[in-house]
C-alpha cells in the first residue's frame, strides 16, 4: 500500500532537478551584457566585476587571469536602454583573449 507521504515524495522528485541536471549550466534569458548594463543603470556597478568573474568561472576560465574593463556607450537607436556597457576582457599574461569568449561576453540577445 502506498502512503500519502510516498506520493508527495514522488511528486517532489518530478519537480526538482536531478543532481546531474542541477550541475548543468542554467539557461539565463538575459545575456551577460544585458545584466551588466542593468547593474550600471540601477547604480549597482560595484557588483559588475563579481558578476563577470562568476560568468568566467561558469565557462571554466580562471577570473584571476583577466582584467575586466567596462565601457559605457550610448545605446543604439531604437533600444529601450539609454546606455550599453561593453565588457572588455584582457589577459594579465599578455596572451590574446579567446575571440569567442570576448564575443560571448558582449552578446546583445
PDB file of N, CA and C in Angstrom:
ATOM      1  N   UNK A   1       0.841  -1.186   0.000  1.00  0.00           N
ATOM      2  CA  UNK A   1       0.000   0.000   0.000  1.00  0.00           C
ATOM      3  C   UNK A   1       0.886   1.249   0.000  1.00  0.00           C
ATOM      4  N   UNK A   2       0.573   2.187  -0.846  1.00  0.00           N
ATOM      5  CA  UNK A   2       1.347   3.423  -0.949  1.00  0.00           C
ATOM      6  C   UNK A   2       0.721   4.463  -0.040  1.00  0.00           C
ATOM      7  N   UNK A   3       1.568   5.054   0.791  1.00  0.00           N
ATOM      8  CA  UNK A   3       1.058   6.076   1.711  1.00  0.00           C
ATOM      9  C   UNK A   3       1.022   7.425   1.023  1.00  0.00           C
ATOM     10  N   UNK A   4       0.328   8.362   1.655  1.00  0.00           N
ATOM     11  CA  UNK A   4       0.236   9.715   1.117  1.00  0.00           C
ATOM     12  C   UNK A   4       1.618  10.363   1.045  1.00  0.00           C
ATOM     13  N   UNK A   5       2.459  10.106   2.047  1.00  0.00           N
ATOM     14  CA  UNK A   5       3.791  10.722   2.063  1.00  0.00           C
ATOM     15  C   UNK A   5       4.652  10.199   0.914  1.00  0.00           C
ATOM     16  N   UNK A   6       4.465   8.925   0.518  1.00  0.00           N
ATOM     17  CA  UNK A   6       5.202   8.393  -0.627  1.00  0.00           C
ATOM     18  C   UNK A   6       4.819   9.123  -1.909  1.00  0.00           C
ATOM     19  N   UNK A   7       3.542   9.432  -2.072  1.00  0.00           N
ATOM     20  CA  UNK A   7       3.087  10.169  -3.256  1.00  0.00           C
ATOM     21  C   UNK A   7       3.660  11.571  -3.284  1.00  0.00           C
ATOM     22  N   UNK A   8       3.749  12.222  -2.120  1.00  0.00           N
ATOM     23  CA  UNK A   8       4.299  13.575  -2.045  1.00  0.00           C
ATOM     24  C   UNK A   8       5.762  13.558  -2.450  1.00  0.00           C
ATOM     25  N   UNK A   9       6.520  12.580  -1.956  1.00  0.00           N
ATOM     26  CA  UNK A   9       7.941  12.485  -2.302  1.00  0.00           C
ATOM     27  C   UNK A   9       8.101  12.245  -3.800  1.00  0.00           C
ATOM     28  N   UNK A  10       7.292  11.400  -4.363  1.00  0.00           N
ATOM     29  CA  UNK A  10       7.342  11.141  -5.800  1.00  0.00           C
ATOM     30  C   UNK A  10       7.052  12.419  -6.581  1.00  0.00           C
ATOM     31  N   UNK A  11       6.047  13.175  -6.152  1.00  0.00           N
ATOM     32  CA  UNK A  11       5.716  14.433  -6.829  1.00  0.00           C
ATOM     33  C   UNK A  11       6.858  15.428  -6.734  1.00  0.00           C
ATOM     34  N   UNK A  12       7.485  15.530  -5.579  1.00  0.00           N
ATOM     35  CA  UNK A  12       8.600  16.462  -5.394  1.00  0.00           C
ATOM     36  C   UNK A  12       9.763  16.065  -6.292  1.00  0.00           C
ATOM     37  N   UNK A  13      10.054  14.773  -6.381  1.00  0.00           N
ATOM     38  CA  UNK A  13      11.163  14.327  -7.220  1.00  0.00           C
ATOM     39  C   UNK A  13      10.926  14.616  -8.693  1.00  0.00           C
ATOM     40  N   UNK A  14       9.678  14.660  -9.127  1.00  0.00           N
ATOM     41  CA  UNK A  14       9.379  15.017 -10.508  1.00  0.00           C
ATOM     42  C   UNK A  14       9.622  16.496 -10.763  1.00  0.00           C
ATOM     43  N   UNK A  15       9.417  17.319  -9.738  1.00  0.00           N
ATOM     44  CA  UNK A  15       9.546  18.766  -9.877  1.00  0.00           C
ATOM     45  C   UNK A  15      10.999  19.210  -9.768  1.00  0.00           C
ATOM     46  N   UNK A  16      11.723  18.680  -8.777  1.00  0.00           N
ATOM     47  CA  UNK A  16      13.096  19.101  -8.536  1.00  0.00           C
ATOM     48  C   UNK A  16      14.034  18.494  -9.567  1.00  0.00           C
ATOM     49  N   UNK A  17      15.067  19.244  -9.960  1.00  0.00           N
ATOM     50  CA  UNK A  17      16.020  18.690 -10.914  1.00  0.00           C
ATOM     51  C   UNK A  17      16.859  17.604 -10.252  1.00  0.00           C
ATOM     52  N   UNK A  18      17.304  16.652 -11.046  1.00  0.00           N
ATOM     53  CA  UNK A  18      18.199  15.628 -10.512  1.00  0.00           C
ATOM     54  C   UNK A  18      19.552  16.269 -10.246  1.00  0.00           C
ATOM     55  N   UNK A  19      20.429  15.537  -9.556  1.00  0.00           N
ATOM     56  CA  UNK A  19      21.754  16.075  -9.257  1.00  0.00           C
ATOM     57  C   UNK A  19      22.510  16.409 -10.528  1.00  0.00           C
ATOM     58  N   UNK A  20      22.394  15.573 -11.540  1.00  0.00           N
ATOM     59  CA  UNK A  20      23.111  15.847 -12.789  1.00  0.00           C
ATOM     60  C   UNK A  20      22.537  17.072 -13.495  1.00  0.00           C
ATOM     61  N   UNK A  21      21.213  17.277 -13.408  1.00  0.00           N
ATOM     62  CA  UNK A  21      20.610  18.447 -14.045  1.00  0.00           C
ATOM     63  C   UNK A  21      20.997  19.725 -13.324  1.00  0.00           C
ATOM     64  N   UNK A  22      21.081  19.678 -11.993  1.00  0.00           N
ATOM     65  CA  UNK A  22      21.378  20.894 -11.243  1.00  0.00           C
ATOM     66  C   UNK A  22      22.817  21.342 -11.436  1.00  0.00           C
ATOM     67  N   UNK A  23      23.711  20.434 -11.823  1.00  0.00           N
ATOM     68  CA  UNK A  23      25.103  20.814 -12.044  1.00  0.00           C
ATOM     69  C   UNK A  23      25.308  21.413 -13.426  1.00  0.00           C
ATOM     70  N   UNK A  24      24.383  21.186 -14.319  1.00  0.00           N
ATOM     71  CA  UNK A  24      24.487  21.751 -15.659  1.00  0.00           C
ATOM     72  C   UNK A  24      24.233  23.253 -15.577  1.00  0.00           C
ATOM     73  N   UNK A  25      24.753  23.999 -16.541  1.00  0.00           N
ATOM     74  CA  UNK A  25      24.541  25.433 -16.558  1.00  0.00           C
ATOM     75  C   UNK A  25      23.071  25.773 -16.687  1.00  0.00           C
ATOM     76  N   UNK A  26      22.661  26.763 -15.975  1.00  0.00           N
ATOM     77  CA  UNK A  26      21.268  27.189 -16.058  1.00  0.00           C
ATOM     78  C   UNK A  26      21.092  28.071 -17.285  1.00  0.00           C
ATOM     79  N   UNK A  27      19.940  27.994 -17.880  1.00  0.00           N
ATOM     80  CA  UNK A  27      19.650  28.851 -19.026  1.00  0.00           C
ATOM     81  C   UNK A  27      19.180  30.186 -18.478  1.00  0.00           C
ATOM     82  N   UNK A  28      19.858  31.235 -18.859  1.00  0.00           N
ATOM     83  CA  UNK A  28      19.506  32.565 -18.396  1.00  0.00           C
ATOM     84  C   UNK A  28      19.010  33.351 -19.610  1.00  0.00           C
ATOM     85  N   UNK A  29      17.793  33.877 -19.536  1.00  0.00           N
ATOM     86  CA  UNK A  29      17.266  34.586 -20.703  1.00  0.00           C
ATOM     87  C   UNK A  29      17.953  35.927 -20.963  1.00  0.00           C
ATOM     88  N   UNK A  30      18.734  36.403 -20.021  1.00  0.00           N
ATOM     89  CA  UNK A  30      19.404  37.687 -20.181  1.00  0.00           C
ATOM     90  C   UNK A  30      20.885  37.466 -20.413  1.00  0.00           C
ATOM     91  N   UNK A  31      21.434  38.138 -21.415  1.00  0.00           N
ATOM     92  CA  UNK A  31      22.854  37.999 -21.692  1.00  0.00           C
ATOM     93  C   UNK A  31      23.640  38.701 -20.593  1.00  0.00           C
ATOM     94  N   UNK A  32      24.914  38.344 -20.507  1.00  0.00           N
ATOM     95  CA  UNK A  32      25.788  38.972 -19.514  1.00  0.00           C
ATOM     96  C   UNK A  32      25.804  40.486 -19.727  1.00  0.00           C
ATOM     97  N   UNK A  33      25.909  40.904 -20.973  1.00  0.00           N
ATOM     98  CA  UNK A  33      25.955  42.342 -21.252  1.00  0.00           C
ATOM     99  C   UNK A  33      24.675  43.034 -20.789  1.00  0.00           C
ATOM    100  N   UNK A  34      23.530  42.401 -20.996  1.00  0.00           N
ATOM    101  CA  UNK A  34      22.262  42.989 -20.542  1.00  0.00           C
ATOM    102  C   UNK A  34      22.248  43.116 -19.016  1.00  0.00           C
ATOM    103  N   UNK A  35      22.740  42.091 -18.334  1.00  0.00           N
ATOM    104  CA  UNK A  35      22.764  42.119 -16.869  1.00  0.00           C
ATOM    105  C   UNK A  35      23.701  43.210 -16.352  1.00  0.00           C
ATOM    106  N   UNK A  36      24.864  43.330 -16.970  1.00  0.00           N
ATOM    107  CA  UNK A  36      25.840  44.346 -16.546  1.00  0.00           C
ATOM    108  C   UNK A  36      25.294  45.741 -16.828  1.00  0.00           C
ATOM    109  N   UNK A  37      24.694  45.938 -17.995  1.00  0.00           N
ATOM    110  CA  UNK A  37      24.104  47.243 -18.319  1.00  0.00           C
ATOM    111  C   UNK A  37      23.041  47.604 -17.301  1.00  0.00           C
ATOM    112  N   UNK A  38      22.201  46.647 -16.944  1.00  0.00           N
ATOM    113  CA  UNK A  38      21.161  46.897 -15.949  1.00  0.00           C
ATOM    114  C   UNK A  38      21.780  47.269 -14.598  1.00  0.00           C
ATOM    115  N   UNK A  39      22.859  46.604 -14.224  1.00  0.00           N
ATOM    116  CA  UNK A  39      23.538  46.932 -12.957  1.00  0.00           C
ATOM    117  C   UNK A  39      24.020  48.388 -12.970  1.00  0.00           C
ATOM    118  N   UNK A  40      24.600  48.800 -14.094  1.00  0.00           N
ATOM    119  CA  UNK A  40      25.096  50.175 -14.192  1.00  0.00           C
ATOM    120  C   UNK A  40      23.949  51.179 -14.110  1.00  0.00           C
ATOM    121  N   UNK A  41      22.856  50.916 -14.811  1.00  0.00           N
ATOM    122  CA  UNK A  41      21.740  51.869 -14.819  1.00  0.00           C
ATOM    123  C   UNK A  41      21.012  51.921 -13.480  1.00  0.00           C
ATOM    124  N   UNK A  42      21.110  50.841 -12.689  1.00  0.00           N
ATOM    125  CA  UNK A  42      20.461  50.815 -11.379  1.00  0.00           C
ATOM    126  C   UNK A  42      21.413  51.192 -10.244  1.00  0.00           C
ATOM    127  N   UNK A  43      22.601  51.679 -10.608  1.00  0.00           N
ATOM    128  CA  UNK A  43      23.549  52.116  -9.586  1.00  0.00           C
ATOM    129  C   UNK A  43      24.226  50.983  -8.838  1.00  0.00           C
ATOM    130  N   UNK A  44      24.263  49.797  -9.436  1.00  0.00           N
ATOM    131  CA  UNK A  44      24.879  48.648  -8.779  1.00  0.00           C
ATOM    132  C   UNK A  44      26.156  48.202  -9.499  1.00  0.00           C
ATOM    133  N   UNK A  45      26.845  49.140 -10.133  1.00  0.00           N
ATOM    134  CA  UNK A  45      28.035  48.795 -10.909  1.00  0.00           C
ATOM    135  C   UNK A  45      29.139  48.193 -10.040  1.00  0.00           C
ATOM    136  N   UNK A  46      29.079  48.427  -8.738  1.00  0.00           N
ATOM    137  CA  UNK A  46      30.059  47.868  -7.806  1.00  0.00           C
ATOM    138  C   UNK A  46      30.115  46.338  -7.925  1.00  0.00           C
ATOM    139  N   UNK A  47      28.979  45.728  -8.228  1.00  0.00           N
ATOM    140  CA  UNK A  47      28.893  44.268  -8.289  1.00  0.00           C
ATOM    141  C   UNK A  47      29.170  43.698  -9.682  1.00  0.00           C
ATOM    142  N   UNK A  48      29.385  44.558 -10.662  1.00  0.00           N
ATOM    143  CA  UNK A  48      29.539  44.103 -12.050  1.00  0.00           C
ATOM    144  C   UNK A  48      30.776  43.226 -12.237  1.00  0.00           C
ATOM    145  N   UNK A  49      31.878  43.574 -11.618  1.00  0.00           N
ATOM    146  CA  UNK A  49      33.099  42.778 -11.765  1.00  0.00           C
ATOM    147  C   UNK A  49      32.890  41.371 -11.225  1.00  0.00           C
ATOM    148  N   UNK A  50      32.240  41.276 -10.064  1.00  0.00           N
ATOM    149  CA  UNK A  50      31.961  39.964  -9.474  1.00  0.00           C
ATOM    150  C   UNK A  50      31.079  39.136 -10.404  1.00  0.00           C
ATOM    151  N   UNK A  51      30.104  39.767 -11.027  1.00  0.00           N
ATOM    152  CA  UNK A  51      29.203  39.077 -11.954  1.00  0.00           C
ATOM    153  C   UNK A  51      29.992  38.496 -13.135  1.00  0.00           C
ATOM    154  N   UNK A  52      30.912  39.280 -13.691  1.00  0.00           N
ATOM    155  CA  UNK A  52      31.719  38.810 -14.815  1.00  0.00           C
ATOM    156  C   UNK A  52      32.658  37.688 -14.358  1.00  0.00           C
ATOM    157  N   UNK A  53      33.211  37.812 -13.155  1.00  0.00           N
ATOM    158  CA  UNK A  53      34.081  36.754 -12.633  1.00  0.00           C
ATOM    159  C   UNK A  53      33.318  35.442 -12.479  1.00  0.00           C
ATOM    160  N   UNK A  54      32.088  35.493 -11.996  1.00  0.00           N
ATOM    161  CA  UNK A  54      31.258  34.288 -11.882  1.00  0.00           C
ATOM    162  C   UNK A  54      30.971  33.707 -13.263  1.00  0.00           C
ATOM    163  N   UNK A  55      30.698  34.579 -14.221  1.00  0.00           N
ATOM    164  CA  UNK A  55      30.435  34.159 -15.601  1.00  0.00           C
ATOM    165  C   UNK A  55      31.655  33.436 -16.170  1.00  0.00           C
ATOM    166  N   UNK A  56      32.854  33.970 -15.912  1.00  0.00           N
ATOM    167  CA  UNK A  56      34.077  33.320 -16.392  1.00  0.00           C
ATOM    168  C   UNK A  56      34.243  31.938 -15.748  1.00  0.00           C
ATOM    169  N   UNK A  57      33.978  31.840 -14.459  1.00  0.00           N
ATOM    170  CA  UNK A  57      34.086  30.541 -13.766  1.00  0.00           C
ATOM    171  C   UNK A  57      33.141  29.517 -14.375  1.00  0.00           C
ATOM    172  N   UNK A  58      31.917  29.939 -14.701  1.00  0.00           N
ATOM    173  CA  UNK A  58      30.937  29.036 -15.312  1.00  0.00           C
ATOM    174  C   UNK A  58      31.438  28.493 -16.641  1.00  0.00           C
ATOM    175  N   UNK A  59      32.301  29.236 -17.295  1.00  0.00           N
ATOM    176  CA  UNK A  59      32.846  28.825 -18.592  1.00  0.00           C
ATOM    177  C   UNK A  59      34.240  28.231 -18.456  1.00  0.00           C
ATOM    178  N   UNK A  60      34.592  27.824 -17.241  1.00  0.00           N
ATOM    179  CA  UNK A  60      35.852  27.122 -16.948  1.00  0.00           C
ATOM    180  C   UNK A  60      37.088  27.979 -17.212  1.00  0.00           C
ATOM    181  N   UNK A  61      36.980  29.287 -16.958  1.00  0.00           N
ATOM    182  CA  UNK A  61      38.123  30.190 -17.057  1.00  0.00           C
ATOM    183  C   UNK A  61      38.432  30.730 -15.668  1.00  0.00           C
ATOM    184  N   UNK A  62      39.702  30.938 -15.393  1.00  0.00           N
ATOM    185  CA  UNK A  62      40.111  31.472 -14.101  1.00  0.00           C
ATOM    186  C   UNK A  62      39.983  32.998 -14.137  1.00  0.00           C
ATOM    187  N   UNK A  63      39.075  33.580 -13.352  1.00  0.00           N
ATOM    188  CA  UNK A  63      38.889  35.030 -13.369  1.00  0.00           C
ATOM    189  C   UNK A  63      40.152  35.808 -12.999  1.00  0.00           C
ATOM    190  N   UNK A  64      41.031  35.190 -12.221  1.00  0.00           N
ATOM    191  CA  UNK A  64      42.268  35.863 -11.815  1.00  0.00           C
ATOM    192  C   UNK A  64      43.203  36.090 -13.002  1.00  0.00           C
ATOM    193  N   UNK A  65      42.963  35.401 -14.106  1.00  0.00           N
ATOM    194  CA  UNK A  65      43.787  35.552 -15.308  1.00  0.00           C
ATOM    195  C   UNK A  65      43.391  36.764 -16.147  1.00  0.00           C
ATOM    196  N   UNK A  66      42.306  37.445 -15.767  1.00  0.00           N
ATOM    197  CA  UNK A  66      41.753  38.504 -16.615  1.00  0.00           C
ATOM    198  C   UNK A  66      41.618  39.833 -15.874  1.00  0.00           C
ATOM    199  N   UNK A  67      41.870  40.896 -16.610  1.00  0.00           N
ATOM    200  CA  UNK A  67      41.447  42.238 -16.190  1.00  0.00           C
ATOM    201  C   UNK A  67      40.096  42.454 -16.860  1.00  0.00           C
ATOM    202  N   UNK A  68      39.157  42.999 -16.105  1.00  0.00           N
ATOM    203  CA  UNK A  68      37.810  43.238 -16.630  1.00  0.00           C
ATOM    204  C   UNK A  68      37.590  44.741 -16.682  1.00  0.00           C
ATOM    205  N   UNK A  69      37.300  45.240 -17.873  1.00  0.00           N
ATOM    206  CA  UNK A  69      37.144  46.680 -18.087  1.00  0.00           C
ATOM    207  C   UNK A  69      35.758  46.917 -18.685  1.00  0.00           C
ATOM    208  N   UNK A  70      35.064  47.920 -18.152  1.00  0.00           N
ATOM    209  CA  UNK A  70      33.722  48.250 -18.634  1.00  0.00           C
ATOM    210  C   UNK A  70      33.768  49.566 -19.401  1.00  0.00           C
ATOM    211  N   UNK A  71      33.058  49.591 -20.531  1.00  0.00           N
ATOM    212  CA  UNK A  71      32.968  50.798 -21.357  1.00  0.00           C
ATOM    213  C   UNK A  71      31.496  51.159 -21.509  1.00  0.00           C
ATOM    214  N   UNK A  72      31.109  52.320 -20.984  1.00  0.00           N
ATOM    215  CA  UNK A  72      29.730  52.801 -21.149  1.00  0.00           C
ATOM    216  C   UNK A  72      29.620  53.522 -22.489  1.00  0.00           C
ATOM    217  N   UNK A  73      28.640  53.117 -23.277  1.00  0.00           N
ATOM    218  CA  UNK A  73      28.421  53.728 -24.589  1.00  0.00           C
ATOM    219  C   UNK A  73      26.943  54.026 -24.743  1.00  0.00           C
ATOM    220  N   UNK A  74      26.588  54.995 -25.583  1.00  0.00           N
ATOM    221  CA  UNK A  74      25.164  55.248 -25.842  1.00  0.00           C
ATOM    222  C   UNK A  74      24.524  54.015 -26.486  1.00  0.00           C
ATOM    223  N   UNK A  75      23.313  53.742 -26.093  1.00  0.00           N
ATOM    224  CA  UNK A  75      22.587  52.603 -26.671  1.00  0.00           C
ATOM    225  C   UNK A  75      22.263  52.894 -28.130  1.00  0.00           C
ATOM    226  N   UNK A  76      22.160  51.869 -28.944  1.00  0.00           N
ATOM    227  CA  UNK A  76      21.819  52.088 -30.361  1.00  0.00           C
ATOM    228  C   UNK A  76      20.412  52.667 -30.495  1.00  0.00           C
ATOM    229  N   UNK A  77      20.152  53.400 -31.567  1.00  0.00           N
ATOM    230  CA  UNK A  77      18.817  53.957 -31.788  1.00  0.00           C
ATOM    231  C   UNK A  77      17.749  52.861 -31.768  1.00  0.00           C
ATOM    232  N   UNK A  78      16.640  53.170 -31.136  1.00  0.00           N
ATOM    233  CA  UNK A  78      15.544  52.218 -31.054  1.00  0.00           C
ATOM    234  C   UNK A  78      15.624  51.283 -29.858  1.00  0.00           C
ATOM    235  N   UNK A  79      16.720  51.355 -29.128  1.00  0.00           N
ATOM    236  CA  UNK A  79      16.882  50.493 -27.955  1.00  0.00           C
ATOM    237  C   UNK A  79      16.078  51.045 -26.791  1.00  0.00           C
ATOM    238  N   UNK A  80      15.648  50.153 -25.903  1.00  0.00           N
ATOM    239  CA  UNK A  80      14.936  50.595 -24.705  1.00  0.00           C
ATOM    240  C   UNK A  80      15.898  51.165 -23.664  1.00  0.00           C
ATOM    241  N   UNK A  81      17.167  50.827 -23.792  1.00  0.00           N
ATOM    242  CA  UNK A  81      18.176  51.306 -22.837  1.00  0.00           C
ATOM    243  C   UNK A  81      18.734  52.653 -23.280  1.00  0.00           C
ATOM    244  N   UNK A  82      19.260  53.395 -22.323  1.00  0.00           N
ATOM    245  CA  UNK A  82      19.909  54.676 -22.613  1.00  0.00           C
ATOM    246  C   UNK A  82      21.387  54.443 -22.906  1.00  0.00           C
ATOM    247  N   UNK A  83      21.978  53.524 -22.121  1.00  0.00           N
ATOM    248  CA  UNK A  83      23.386  53.180 -22.321  1.00  0.00           C
ATOM    249  C   UNK A  83      23.509  51.675 -22.541  1.00  0.00           C
ATOM    250  N   UNK A  84      24.655  51.287 -23.073  1.00  0.00           N
ATOM    251  CA  UNK A  84      25.042  49.884 -23.175  1.00  0.00           C
ATOM    252  C   UNK A  84      26.449  49.805 -22.597  1.00  0.00           C
ATOM    253  N   UNK A  85      26.695  48.820 -21.766  1.00  0.00           N
ATOM    254  CA  UNK A  85      28.015  48.651 -21.186  1.00  0.00           C
ATOM    255  C   UNK A  85      28.699  47.496 -21.892  1.00  0.00           C
ATOM    256  N   UNK A  86      29.806  47.802 -22.565  1.00  0.00           N
ATOM    257  CA  UNK A  86      30.586  46.765 -23.220  1.00  0.00           C
ATOM    258  C   UNK A  86      31.625  46.248 -22.239  1.00  0.00           C
ATOM    259  N   UNK A  87      31.856  44.956 -22.295  1.00  0.00           N
ATOM    260  CA  UNK A  87      32.786  44.295 -21.387  1.00  0.00           C
ATOM    261  C   UNK A  87      34.049  43.954 -22.168  1.00  0.00           C
ATOM    262  N   UNK A  88      35.169  44.429 -21.694  1.00  0.00           N
ATOM    263  CA  UNK A  88      36.449  44.119 -22.322  1.00  0.00           C
ATOM    264  C   UNK A  88      37.224  43.198 -21.386  1.00  0.00           C
ATOM    265  N   UNK A  89      37.652  42.083 -21.928  1.00  0.00           N
ATOM    266  CA  UNK A  89      38.471  41.153 -21.162  1.00  0.00           C
ATOM    267  C   UNK A  89      39.903  41.261 -21.672  1.00  0.00           C
ATOM    268  N   UNK A  90      40.849  41.371 -20.754  1.00  0.00           N
ATOM    269  CA  UNK A  90      42.270  41.395 -21.109  1.00  0.00           C
ATOM    270  C   UNK A  90      42.979  40.367 -20.248  1.00  0.00           C
ATOM    271  N   UNK A  91      43.752  39.523 -20.888  1.00  0.00           N
ATOM    272  CA  UNK A  91      44.514  38.539 -20.121  1.00  0.00           C
ATOM    273  C   UNK A  91      45.700  39.229 -19.457  1.00  0.00           C
ATOM    274  N   UNK A  92      45.944  38.900 -18.218  1.00  0.00           N
ATOM    275  CA  UNK A  92      47.041  39.516 -17.465  1.00  0.00           C
ATOM    276  C   UNK A  92      48.407  39.043 -17.944  1.00  0.00           C
ATOM    277  N   UNK A  93      48.454  37.860 -18.598  1.00  0.00           N
ATOM    278  CA  UNK A  93      49.735  37.337 -19.077  1.00  0.00           C
ATOM    279  C   UNK A  93      50.097  37.862 -20.469  1.00  0.00           C
ATOM    280  N   UNK A  94      49.259  38.738 -21.028  1.00  0.00           N
ATOM    281  CA  UNK A  94      49.543  39.337 -22.325  1.00  0.00           C
ATOM    282  C   UNK A  94      49.083  38.516 -23.512  1.00  0.00           C
ATOM    283  N   UNK A  95      48.630  37.299 -23.286  1.00  0.00           N
ATOM    284  CA  UNK A  95      48.124  36.467 -24.374  1.00  0.00           C
ATOM    285  C   UNK A  95      46.795  37.043 -24.869  1.00  0.00           C
ATOM    286  N   UNK A  96      46.454  36.803 -26.129  1.00  0.00           N
ATOM    287  CA  UNK A  96      45.168  37.311 -26.622  1.00  0.00           C
ATOM    288  C   UNK A  96      44.001  36.557 -25.972  1.00  0.00           C
ATOM    289  N   UNK A  97      42.911  37.265 -25.784  1.00  0.00           N
ATOM    290  CA  UNK A  97      41.689  36.662 -25.252  1.00  0.00           C
ATOM    291  C   UNK A  97      41.037  35.860 -26.368  1.00  0.00           C
ATOM    292  N   UNK A  98      40.521  34.714 -26.030  1.00  0.00           N
ATOM    293  CA  UNK A  98      39.796  33.887 -26.995  1.00  0.00           C
ATOM    294  C   UNK A  98      38.682  34.743 -27.605  1.00  0.00           C
ATOM    295  N   UNK A  99      38.692  34.942 -28.930  1.00  0.00           N
ATOM    296  CA  UNK A  99      37.679  35.797 -29.564  1.00  0.00           C
ATOM    297  C   UNK A  99      36.246  35.343 -29.262  1.00  0.00           C
ATOM    298  N   UNK A 100      36.020  34.032 -29.188  1.00  0.00           N
ATOM    299  CA  UNK A 100      34.690  33.515 -28.888  1.00  0.00           C
ATOM    300  C   UNK A 100      34.249  33.971 -27.493  1.00  0.00           C
ATOM    301  N   UNK A 101      35.154  33.913 -26.511  1.00  0.00           N
ATOM    302  CA  UNK A 101      34.824  34.315 -25.147  1.00  0.00           C
ATOM    303  C   UNK A 101      34.482  35.803 -25.098  1.00  0.00           C
ATOM    304  N   UNK A 102      35.289  36.627 -25.770  1.00  0.00           N
ATOM    305  CA  UNK A 102      35.029  38.067 -25.800  1.00  0.00           C
ATOM    306  C   UNK A 102      33.686  38.353 -26.464  1.00  0.00           C
ATOM    307  N   UNK A 103      33.400  37.644 -27.539  1.00  0.00           N
ATOM    308  CA  UNK A 103      32.125  37.834 -28.245  1.00  0.00           C
ATOM    309  C   UNK A 103      30.955  37.440 -27.351  1.00  0.00           C
ATOM    310  N   UNK A 104      31.085  36.316 -26.633  1.00  0.00           N
ATOM    311  CA  UNK A 104      30.001  35.854 -25.745  1.00  0.00           C
ATOM    312  C   UNK A 104      29.733  36.844 -24.622  1.00  0.00           C
ATOM    313  N   UNK A 105      30.766  37.500 -24.138  1.00  0.00           N
ATOM    314  CA  UNK A 105      30.598  38.462 -23.059  1.00  0.00           C
ATOM    315  C   UNK A 105      29.744  39.652 -23.489  1.00  0.00           C
ATOM    316  N   UNK A 106      29.749  39.945 -24.782  1.00  0.00           N
ATOM    317  CA  UNK A 106      29.049  41.126 -25.278  1.00  0.00           C
ATOM    318  C   UNK A 106      27.883  40.810 -26.213  1.00  0.00           C
ATOM    319  N   UNK A 107      27.348  39.605 -26.118  1.00  0.00           N
ATOM    320  CA  UNK A 107      26.176  39.284 -26.933  1.00  0.00           C
ATOM    321  C   UNK A 107      25.023  40.197 -26.558  1.00  0.00           C
ATOM    322  N   UNK A 108      24.274  40.629 -27.547  1.00  0.00           N
ATOM    323  CA  UNK A 108      23.142  41.530 -27.293  1.00  0.00           C
ATOM    324  C   UNK A 108      21.868  40.770 -26.998  1.00  0.00           C
ATOM    325  N   UNK A 109      21.710  39.584 -27.594  1.00  0.00           N
ATOM    326  CA  UNK A 109      20.472  38.818 -27.373  1.00  0.00           C
ATOM    327  C   UNK A 109      20.797  37.381 -27.081  1.00  0.00           C
TER     328      UNK A 109
END
